[in-house]
Amino acid sequence: MTIVLALASALVYGTADFLGGLASRRVAAVVVTFVSQCAGLASLLVVLPFVHGDGLVGTDLAWGAAGGLAGAAALVCFYWALAAGTMSVVAPLTAVVSAIVPVATGLALGERPSGWALIGVGLALPAIALIARETAGGRPRVRRRVLLAALAAGVGFGFFFVALARTSGDTGLWPLVGARTASIALLAVVLLVTGGRPVVVAEARLMVLVAGVLDTTANALYLAAASQGLLSLVAVIAALYPASTVVLARVVLGERMQRWQLGGFALAALAVGLVAASS
């Protein structure tokens, strides 16, 4: 059940990213992120009375808030790196680092997955890179600042996975409330400093709102998976989220799927099978 929840979170994360990416073609990315995070918080508050767990615990709220701040900062770095650099380098680097951070953290905290599971994790990392890579290109030149921003984004996303996994698992959705509140506050400051206005054009409004609700749903699925399984396994499965984004781009936008992406899907399927078989 743990792997199913982690896979479901990856599927929903990727769908939310697809919708957010489409909306960002019409509206500034920071505005899309801010409004979608607000929509996510609103959906959380609606269901919170029904999934409140054992009640509010300060440490869980703090872990959630720390994860929210890291995630919001990571989004700012990620979008900047995508705009300033080469997407075929930035996207896979960020995705792989976001998986490595929780895997390394889990192992450092004493988790000991089976040998087959570790082989699955080893296969998942290049699978994520292959799926996320968009263009072949030879060796595109990338500025150091762009690489640093991509690395920072990956670390931020990875810490978000770690922070949610460090919660007790008994407080329902409260950690996500802390995460959303903190990320909204940080993004509001960014908008204030940059002079941006949180206004979404009509044709992108539904996409932004649905993206926010789906992202929060994915967080809840990941939180449930992380409370039941090993961080070093759950996070790397959740980090396969680029797969659903690529599939949706193929189905909805007609974008061509590259050969290395198909190879990445094959590796990902093998990796998930190994992890699931050892769980």
Protein backbone atom coordinates (compact mmCIF):
# COMPACT_ATOMS: atom_id res chain seq x y z
CA MET A 1 0.00 0.00 0.00
CA THR A 2 2.92 2.35 0.73
CA ILE A 3 4.29 2.10 -2.81
CA VAL A 4 0.79 2.56 -4.26
CA LEU A 5 0.39 5.80 -2.27
CA ALA A 6 3.85 7.00 -3.34
CA LEU A 7 3.07 6.23 -6.99
CA ALA A 8 -0.28 8.00 -6.69
CA SER A 9 1.46 11.05 -5.27
CA ALA A 10 3.92 11.06 -8.20
CA LEU A 11 1.03 10.82 -10.67
CA VAL A 12 -0.84 13.72 -9.06
CA TYR A 13 2.31 15.83 -8.59
CA GLY A 14 3.07 15.48 -12.30
CA THR A 15 -0.48 16.39 -13.28
CA ALA A 16 -0.37 19.49 -11.09
CA ASP A 17 2.97 20.47 -12.64
CA PHE A 18 1.51 20.04 -16.13
CA LEU A 19 -1.42 22.33 -15.38
CA GLY A 20 0.82 24.84 -13.61
CA GLY A 21 3.19 24.81 -16.57
CA LEU A 22 0.37 25.49 -19.00
CA ALA A 23 -0.92 28.33 -16.86
CA SER A 24 2.61 29.78 -16.62
CA ARG A 25 2.53 30.34 -20.38
CA ARG A 26 -0.14 32.99 -19.77
CA VAL A 27 0.66 34.23 -16.25
CA ALA A 28 3.93 34.88 -14.39
CA ALA A 29 5.14 31.68 -12.71
CA VAL A 30 5.38 33.26 -9.25
CA VAL A 31 1.75 34.40 -9.53
CA VAL A 32 0.65 30.93 -10.64
CA THR A 33 2.50 29.41 -7.70
CA PHE A 34 1.08 31.89 -5.18
CA VAL A 35 -2.54 31.56 -6.31
CA SER A 36 -2.32 27.77 -6.61
CA GLN A 37 -0.87 27.54 -3.10
CA CYS A 38 -3.79 29.64 -1.81
CA ALA A 39 -6.22 27.29 -3.56
CA GLY A 40 -4.43 24.35 -1.98
CA LEU A 41 -4.70 25.87 1.49
CA ALA A 42 -8.41 26.55 0.97
CA SER A 43 -9.01 22.91 -0.01
CA LEU A 44 -7.06 21.78 3.04
CA LEU A 45 -9.20 23.86 5.38
CA VAL A 46 -12.35 22.33 3.87
CA VAL A 47 -11.30 18.73 4.56
CA LEU A 48 -9.25 19.38 7.73
CA PRO A 49 -12.21 18.82 10.14
CA PHE A 50 -12.61 15.31 8.69
CA VAL A 51 -8.90 14.38 8.58
CA HIS A 52 -7.51 16.13 11.64
CA GLY A 53 -5.84 13.08 13.21
CA ASP A 54 -5.03 13.40 16.89
CA GLY A 55 -4.99 17.18 16.74
CA LEU A 56 -2.43 19.91 16.31
CA VAL A 57 1.16 19.15 17.40
CA GLY A 58 3.67 22.00 17.38
CA THR A 59 6.61 19.97 16.09
CA ASP A 60 4.59 18.59 13.17
CA LEU A 61 3.39 22.07 12.29
CA ALA A 62 6.98 23.32 12.48
CA TRP A 63 8.26 20.54 10.19
CA GLY A 64 5.46 21.33 7.76
CA ALA A 65 6.27 25.05 7.81
CA ALA A 66 9.98 24.36 7.27
CA GLY A 67 9.12 22.13 4.33
CA GLY A 68 6.78 24.77 2.92
CA LEU A 69 9.45 27.47 3.06
CA ALA A 70 11.98 25.16 1.39
CA GLY A 71 9.48 24.15 -1.27
CA ALA A 72 8.49 27.72 -2.10
CA ALA A 73 12.12 28.85 -2.28
CA ALA A 74 12.87 25.84 -4.49
CA LEU A 75 10.08 26.81 -6.88
CA VAL A 76 11.47 30.33 -7.23
CA CYS A 77 14.97 28.93 -7.95
CA PHE A 78 13.59 26.32 -10.32
CA TYR A 79 11.55 28.71 -12.42
CA TRP A 80 14.44 31.18 -12.57
CA ALA A 81 16.83 28.43 -13.68
CA LEU A 82 14.39 27.23 -16.36
CA ALA A 83 14.07 30.76 -17.69
CA ALA A 84 17.78 31.58 -17.57
CA GLY A 85 19.30 28.23 -18.54
CA THR A 86 18.84 25.11 -20.63
CA MET A 87 15.73 23.15 -19.65
CA SER A 88 17.26 19.82 -20.71
CA VAL A 89 19.93 20.33 -18.02
CA VAL A 90 17.95 22.13 -15.33
CA ALA A 91 14.90 19.82 -15.15
CA PRO A 92 16.68 16.45 -14.78
CA LEU A 93 19.31 17.87 -12.42
CA THR A 94 16.64 19.29 -10.13
CA ALA A 95 14.55 16.11 -10.26
CA VAL A 96 17.45 13.79 -9.46
CA VAL A 97 18.74 15.95 -6.59
CA SER A 98 15.21 16.10 -5.15
CA ALA A 99 15.35 12.29 -4.94
CA ILE A 100 18.94 11.99 -3.71
CA VAL A 101 18.42 14.29 -0.70
CA PRO A 102 15.71 12.18 1.01
CA VAL A 103 17.42 8.91 0.07
CA ALA A 104 20.69 10.06 1.65
CA THR A 105 18.82 11.43 4.67
CA GLY A 106 16.92 8.19 5.19
CA LEU A 107 20.11 6.13 5.05
CA ALA A 108 21.88 8.58 7.39
CA LEU A 109 19.01 8.23 9.89
CA GLY A 110 19.53 4.48 10.00
CA GLU A 111 17.11 3.15 7.39
CA ARG A 112 18.31 -0.10 5.86
CA PRO A 113 16.33 -1.08 2.76
CA SER A 114 16.91 -4.52 1.29
CA GLY A 115 19.49 -5.05 -1.41
CA TRP A 116 16.85 -5.31 -4.15
CA ALA A 117 15.23 -2.10 -2.96
CA LEU A 118 18.56 -0.29 -3.12
CA ILE A 119 19.06 -1.56 -6.67
CA GLY A 120 15.60 -0.18 -7.45
CA VAL A 121 16.60 3.20 -6.00
CA GLY A 122 19.79 3.11 -8.07
CA LEU A 123 17.77 2.51 -11.24
CA ALA A 124 15.16 5.14 -10.36
CA LEU A 125 17.68 8.00 -10.30
CA PRO A 126 18.78 7.74 -13.96
CA ALA A 127 15.15 6.98 -14.87
CA ILE A 128 14.09 10.32 -13.39
CA ALA A 129 16.86 12.11 -15.30
CA LEU A 130 15.94 10.47 -18.61
CA ILE A 131 12.21 11.14 -18.24
CA ALA A 132 12.74 14.78 -17.26
CA ARG A 133 15.23 15.49 -20.05
CA GLU A 134 13.50 17.27 -22.95
CA THR A 135 16.06 17.81 -25.69
CA ALA A 136 19.15 15.93 -26.77
CA GLY A 137 21.59 18.67 -27.68
CA GLY A 138 25.32 17.85 -27.29
CA ARG A 139 26.79 19.60 -24.29
CA PRO A 140 24.84 22.81 -23.78
CA ARG A 141 26.74 25.54 -22.00
CA VAL A 142 25.13 26.39 -18.71
CA ARG A 143 26.18 29.26 -16.49
CA ARG A 144 27.34 28.44 -12.99
CA ARG A 145 24.55 30.50 -11.44
CA VAL A 146 21.96 28.46 -13.33
CA LEU A 147 23.50 25.18 -12.16
CA LEU A 148 23.59 26.44 -8.59
CA ALA A 149 19.94 27.49 -8.82
CA ALA A 150 18.96 24.08 -10.21
CA LEU A 151 20.88 22.34 -7.43
CA ALA A 152 19.28 24.62 -4.81
CA ALA A 153 15.84 23.82 -6.23
CA GLY A 154 16.53 20.10 -6.01
CA VAL A 155 17.76 20.41 -2.44
CA GLY A 156 14.68 22.47 -1.54
CA PHE A 157 12.26 19.96 -3.03
CA GLY A 158 14.20 17.13 -1.40
CA PHE A 159 14.04 18.83 1.99
CA PHE A 160 10.29 19.24 1.52
CA PHE A 161 10.04 15.44 1.17
CA VAL A 162 12.23 14.98 4.24
CA ALA A 163 10.30 17.50 6.35
CA LEU A 164 6.93 15.86 5.71
CA ALA A 165 8.40 12.44 6.45
CA ARG A 166 9.71 13.71 9.81
CA THR A 167 6.20 14.44 11.07
CA SER A 168 4.59 11.96 13.45
CA GLY A 169 1.89 10.78 11.05
CA ASP A 170 -0.75 11.13 13.78
CA THR A 171 -1.82 14.73 13.16
CA GLY A 172 -3.70 14.31 9.91
CA LEU A 173 -3.25 17.19 7.50
CA TRP A 174 -1.95 19.75 9.97
CA PRO A 175 1.65 19.54 8.67
CA LEU A 176 0.36 20.51 5.23
CA VAL A 177 -1.47 23.50 6.72
CA GLY A 178 1.86 24.63 8.16
CA ALA A 179 3.57 24.05 4.81
CA ARG A 180 1.00 25.98 2.80
CA THR A 181 0.82 28.87 5.26
CA ALA A 182 4.60 29.30 5.25
CA SER A 183 4.94 29.02 1.46
CA ILE A 184 2.13 31.53 0.86
CA ALA A 185 3.78 34.00 3.26
CA LEU A 186 7.14 33.66 1.49
CA LEU A 187 5.62 34.01 -1.98
CA ALA A 188 3.63 37.05 -0.83
CA VAL A 189 6.91 38.69 0.18
CA VAL A 190 8.41 37.83 -3.22
CA LEU A 191 5.42 39.40 -4.99
CA LEU A 192 5.64 42.47 -2.78
CA VAL A 193 9.35 42.94 -3.44
CA THR A 194 9.05 42.37 -7.19
CA GLY A 195 5.90 44.45 -7.54
CA GLY A 196 3.88 41.54 -8.92
CA ARG A 197 0.10 41.36 -8.65
CA PRO A 198 -1.64 38.04 -7.82
CA VAL A 199 -4.05 38.33 -10.76
CA VAL A 200 -4.74 35.38 -13.06
CA VAL A 201 -6.32 35.87 -16.48
CA ALA A 202 -9.67 34.15 -16.99
CA GLU A 203 -8.45 31.48 -19.41
CA ALA A 204 -5.82 30.25 -16.93
CA ARG A 205 -7.84 30.57 -13.73
CA LEU A 206 -9.31 27.05 -13.66
CA MET A 207 -5.94 25.46 -14.45
CA VAL A 208 -4.27 27.34 -11.61
CA LEU A 209 -6.96 26.43 -9.08
CA VAL A 210 -7.01 22.76 -10.08
CA ALA A 211 -3.21 22.65 -10.02
CA GLY A 212 -3.24 23.95 -6.43
CA VAL A 213 -5.82 21.41 -5.27
CA LEU A 214 -3.97 18.55 -7.02
CA ASP A 215 -0.61 19.60 -5.56
CA THR A 216 -2.12 19.54 -2.08
CA THR A 217 -3.70 16.15 -2.80
CA ALA A 218 -0.30 14.84 -3.88
CA ASN A 219 1.23 16.17 -0.66
CA ALA A 220 -1.42 14.35 1.36
CA LEU A 221 -0.77 11.08 -0.53
CA TYR A 222 2.97 11.45 0.01
CA LEU A 223 2.44 12.24 3.70
CA ALA A 224 0.38 9.05 4.08
CA ALA A 225 3.02 6.99 2.26
CA ALA A 226 5.90 8.46 4.25
CA SER A 227 4.14 7.71 7.54
CA GLN A 228 4.01 4.01 6.61
CA GLY A 229 7.25 3.35 4.74
CA LEU A 230 10.93 4.17 4.55
CA LEU A 231 11.79 7.71 3.48
CA SER A 232 14.62 6.41 1.28
CA LEU A 233 12.12 4.37 -0.76
CA VAL A 234 8.94 6.45 -0.66
CA ALA A 235 10.61 9.71 -1.71
CA VAL A 236 12.39 8.25 -4.72
CA ILE A 237 9.10 6.78 -6.01
CA ALA A 238 7.34 10.12 -5.47
CA ALA A 239 10.19 11.83 -7.34
CA LEU A 240 9.10 10.02 -10.52
CA TYR A 241 6.54 12.81 -10.95
CA PRO A 242 8.00 14.01 -14.30
CA ALA A 243 6.58 10.83 -15.87
CA SER A 244 2.94 11.92 -15.72
CA THR A 245 3.86 15.42 -16.90
CA VAL A 246 5.56 13.95 -19.98
CA VAL A 247 2.62 11.62 -20.71
CA LEU A 248 0.10 14.45 -20.41
CA ALA A 249 2.21 16.64 -22.70
CA ARG A 250 2.14 13.80 -25.25
CA VAL A 251 -1.61 13.16 -24.97
CA VAL A 252 -2.91 16.72 -24.57
CA LEU A 253 -0.37 18.81 -26.48
CA GLY A 254 0.83 16.21 -28.96
CA GLU A 255 4.47 16.62 -27.90
CA ARG A 256 6.72 13.88 -29.18
CA MET A 257 8.15 11.47 -26.62
CA GLN A 258 11.88 11.01 -27.14
CA ARG A 259 13.64 7.63 -27.18
CA TRP A 260 15.59 8.34 -24.01
CA GLN A 261 12.33 9.19 -22.24
CA LEU A 262 10.88 5.81 -23.25
CA GLY A 263 14.03 4.22 -21.86
CA GLY A 264 13.50 6.18 -18.66
CA PHE A 265 9.95 4.82 -18.37
CA ALA A 266 11.27 1.27 -18.75
CA LEU A 267 13.89 1.85 -16.05
CA ALA A 268 11.27 3.45 -13.80
CA ALA A 269 8.94 0.47 -14.16
CA LEU A 270 11.77 -1.91 -13.26
CA ALA A 271 12.79 0.28 -10.31
CA VAL A 272 9.24 0.43 -8.93
CA GLY A 273 8.88 -3.33 -9.35
CA LEU A 274 12.06 -4.00 -7.39
CA VAL A 275 11.11 -1.60 -4.60
CA ALA A 276 7.56 -2.97 -4.41
CA ALA A 277 8.75 -6.59 -4.37
CA SER A 278 11.07 -5.88 -1.46
CA SER A 279 8.50 -3.95 0.59
